[in-house]
Amino acid sequence: MNIVVRDLNMYHKMRGCSCGRSPTGLCVGWHRLTKEEYEKKKIEYEKLSEEEKKTAFHVRAIDGFGE
């Protein structure tokens, strides 16, 4: 079943992070990472500049940095 999203704000609210790992508050798939993988991704994210952090994730990101 495909769902057409017409309201991007509603889409983001529906995809809120429930595991507490996402640095953005939105689900970016980090709930599936092992503890070690999560720590590595977190360190990578923290090394990004503030400008890079704004574009590190996008709606289609499912496993981290838009992978």
N, C-alpha and C. Protein backbone atom coordinates (compact mmCIF):
# COMPACT_ATOMS: atom_id res chain seq x y z
N MET A 1 0.84 -1.18 0.00
CA MET A 1 0.00 0.00 0.00
C MET A 1 0.88 1.24 0.00
N ASN A 2 0.69 2.12 -0.94
CA ASN A 2 1.43 3.37 -1.01
C ASN A 2 0.59 4.50 -0.44
N ILE A 3 1.22 5.34 0.35
CA ILE A 3 0.53 6.49 0.92
C ILE A 3 1.14 7.75 0.30
N VAL A 4 0.30 8.60 -0.22
CA VAL A 4 0.76 9.86 -0.80
C VAL A 4 0.76 10.90 0.31
N VAL A 5 1.89 11.53 0.53
CA VAL A 5 2.01 12.54 1.58
C VAL A 5 1.86 13.91 0.94
N ARG A 6 0.80 14.60 1.31
CA ARG A 6 0.55 15.93 0.76
C ARG A 6 1.02 17.02 1.70
N ASP A 7 1.11 16.72 2.98
CA ASP A 7 1.52 17.71 3.98
C ASP A 7 2.82 17.25 4.61
N LEU A 8 3.93 17.88 4.22
CA LEU A 8 5.25 17.47 4.69
C LEU A 8 5.39 17.63 6.20
N ASN A 9 4.78 18.67 6.77
CA ASN A 9 4.84 18.85 8.22
C ASN A 9 4.18 17.69 8.95
N MET A 10 3.05 17.23 8.45
CA MET A 10 2.37 16.09 9.06
C MET A 10 3.23 14.83 8.92
N TYR A 11 3.88 14.68 7.79
CA TYR A 11 4.76 13.53 7.56
C TYR A 11 5.86 13.50 8.61
N HIS A 12 6.48 14.66 8.87
CA HIS A 12 7.55 14.71 9.87
C HIS A 12 7.02 14.39 11.26
N LYS A 13 5.82 14.85 11.59
CA LYS A 13 5.25 14.55 12.90
C LYS A 13 5.00 13.05 13.03
N MET A 14 4.57 12.42 11.96
CA MET A 14 4.30 10.99 11.99
C MET A 14 5.59 10.19 12.14
N ARG A 15 6.71 10.71 11.69
CA ARG A 15 7.98 10.00 11.72
C ARG A 15 8.84 10.40 12.91
N GLY A 16 8.26 10.91 13.97
CA GLY A 16 9.03 11.30 15.13
C GLY A 16 9.83 10.13 15.69
N CYS A 17 10.96 10.44 16.30
CA CYS A 17 11.84 9.42 16.86
C CYS A 17 11.28 8.95 18.20
N SER A 18 11.08 7.66 18.33
CA SER A 18 10.59 7.12 19.59
C SER A 18 11.67 6.41 20.39
N CYS A 19 12.84 6.18 19.79
CA CYS A 19 13.90 5.46 20.50
C CYS A 19 14.85 6.40 21.23
N GLY A 20 14.83 7.69 20.86
CA GLY A 20 15.68 8.66 21.52
C GLY A 20 17.08 8.78 20.96
N ARG A 21 17.39 8.08 19.88
CA ARG A 21 18.74 8.12 19.31
C ARG A 21 18.91 9.20 18.25
N SER A 22 17.85 9.63 17.62
CA SER A 22 17.96 10.57 16.52
C SER A 22 18.43 11.94 16.99
N PRO A 23 19.43 12.52 16.33
CA PRO A 23 19.89 13.85 16.71
C PRO A 23 18.94 14.95 16.25
N THR A 24 17.98 14.61 15.40
CA THR A 24 17.06 15.61 14.86
C THR A 24 15.68 15.53 15.48
N GLY A 25 15.38 14.47 16.19
CA GLY A 25 14.05 14.28 16.73
C GLY A 25 13.12 13.55 15.77
N LEU A 26 13.58 13.35 14.54
CA LEU A 26 12.83 12.61 13.54
C LEU A 26 13.50 11.26 13.33
N CYS A 27 12.72 10.27 12.98
CA CYS A 27 13.27 8.93 12.77
C CYS A 27 14.22 8.93 11.58
N VAL A 28 15.45 8.52 11.81
CA VAL A 28 16.45 8.39 10.74
C VAL A 28 16.99 6.97 10.67
N GLY A 29 16.31 6.05 11.32
CA GLY A 29 16.67 4.64 11.24
C GLY A 29 17.72 4.18 12.22
N TRP A 30 18.15 5.04 13.12
CA TRP A 30 19.20 4.66 14.05
C TRP A 30 18.72 3.64 15.09
N HIS A 31 17.43 3.41 15.20
CA HIS A 31 16.91 2.42 16.15
C HIS A 31 17.37 1.01 15.77
N ARG A 32 17.74 0.83 14.52
CA ARG A 32 18.16 -0.51 14.05
C ARG A 32 19.65 -0.75 14.25
N LEU A 33 20.39 0.24 14.65
CA LEU A 33 21.84 0.10 14.80
C LEU A 33 22.19 -0.59 16.11
N THR A 34 23.29 -1.33 16.10
CA THR A 34 23.81 -1.88 17.35
C THR A 34 24.36 -0.71 18.17
N LYS A 35 24.67 -0.96 19.41
CA LYS A 35 25.21 0.10 20.27
C LYS A 35 26.50 0.66 19.66
N GLU A 36 27.34 -0.21 19.15
CA GLU A 36 28.62 0.22 18.57
C GLU A 36 28.39 1.03 17.30
N GLU A 37 27.48 0.57 16.44
CA GLU A 37 27.18 1.31 15.21
C GLU A 37 26.59 2.68 15.53
N TYR A 38 25.70 2.72 16.53
CA TYR A 38 25.10 3.98 16.95
C TYR A 38 26.15 4.97 17.44
N GLU A 39 27.05 4.51 18.28
CA GLU A 39 28.10 5.39 18.80
C GLU A 39 28.95 5.95 17.65
N LYS A 40 29.26 5.13 16.67
CA LYS A 40 30.05 5.57 15.51
C LYS A 40 29.29 6.63 14.72
N LYS A 41 28.01 6.40 14.43
CA LYS A 41 27.19 7.37 13.69
C LYS A 41 27.07 8.67 14.46
N LYS A 42 26.90 8.56 15.78
CA LYS A 42 26.75 9.75 16.62
C LYS A 42 28.02 10.61 16.57
N ILE A 43 29.18 9.97 16.64
CA ILE A 43 30.45 10.69 16.57
C ILE A 43 30.60 11.35 15.20
N GLU A 44 30.24 10.62 14.13
CA GLU A 44 30.31 11.19 12.78
C GLU A 44 29.42 12.43 12.68
N TYR A 45 28.21 12.34 13.22
CA TYR A 45 27.27 13.46 13.17
C TYR A 45 27.80 14.65 13.95
N GLU A 46 28.35 14.40 15.13
CA GLU A 46 28.85 15.48 15.98
C GLU A 46 30.03 16.21 15.36
N LYS A 47 30.76 15.56 14.45
CA LYS A 47 31.90 16.19 13.77
C LYS A 47 31.46 17.15 12.66
N LEU A 48 30.20 17.04 12.23
CA LEU A 48 29.69 17.90 11.15
C LEU A 48 29.56 19.34 11.62
N SER A 49 29.73 20.27 10.70
CA SER A 49 29.49 21.67 11.03
C SER A 49 27.99 21.88 11.19
N GLU A 50 27.59 23.00 11.76
CA GLU A 50 26.17 23.29 11.93
C GLU A 50 25.46 23.33 10.57
N GLU A 51 26.12 23.85 9.56
CA GLU A 51 25.53 23.91 8.22
C GLU A 51 25.36 22.51 7.64
N GLU A 52 26.35 21.66 7.83
CA GLU A 52 26.27 20.28 7.33
C GLU A 52 25.17 19.49 8.05
N LYS A 53 24.99 19.79 9.34
CA LYS A 53 23.96 19.09 10.11
C LYS A 53 22.56 19.39 9.56
N LYS A 54 22.38 20.58 9.01
CA LYS A 54 21.08 20.96 8.46
C LYS A 54 20.69 20.11 7.26
N THR A 55 21.68 19.58 6.56
CA THR A 55 21.39 18.83 5.34
C THR A 55 21.85 17.37 5.41
N ALA A 56 22.27 16.93 6.58
CA ALA A 56 22.77 15.56 6.72
C ALA A 56 21.67 14.53 6.52
N PHE A 57 20.46 14.88 6.93
CA PHE A 57 19.33 13.96 6.81
C PHE A 57 18.28 14.59 5.91
N HIS A 58 17.55 13.76 5.24
CA HIS A 58 16.44 14.24 4.44
C HIS A 58 15.31 13.23 4.55
N VAL A 59 14.17 13.54 3.98
CA VAL A 59 12.99 12.70 4.11
C VAL A 59 13.25 11.25 3.74
N ARG A 60 14.11 11.01 2.77
CA ARG A 60 14.35 9.64 2.30
C ARG A 60 15.44 8.91 3.08
N ALA A 61 16.07 9.58 4.04
CA ALA A 61 17.12 8.92 4.82
C ALA A 61 16.50 7.81 5.65
N ILE A 62 17.07 6.61 5.57
CA ILE A 62 16.55 5.51 6.36
C ILE A 62 17.60 4.85 7.22
N ASP A 63 18.85 4.99 6.86
CA ASP A 63 19.90 4.32 7.62
C ASP A 63 21.03 5.26 7.98
N GLY A 64 20.73 6.48 8.24
CA GLY A 64 21.81 7.38 8.64
C GLY A 64 21.85 8.60 7.77
N PHE A 65 22.97 8.85 7.18
CA PHE A 65 23.20 10.09 6.46
C PHE A 65 22.71 10.01 5.02
N GLY A 66 21.43 9.77 4.83
CA GLY A 66 20.86 9.74 3.49
C GLY A 66 21.26 8.55 2.67
N GLU A 67 21.68 7.50 3.32
CA GLU A 67 22.15 6.31 2.62
C GLU A 67 21.00 5.54 2.04
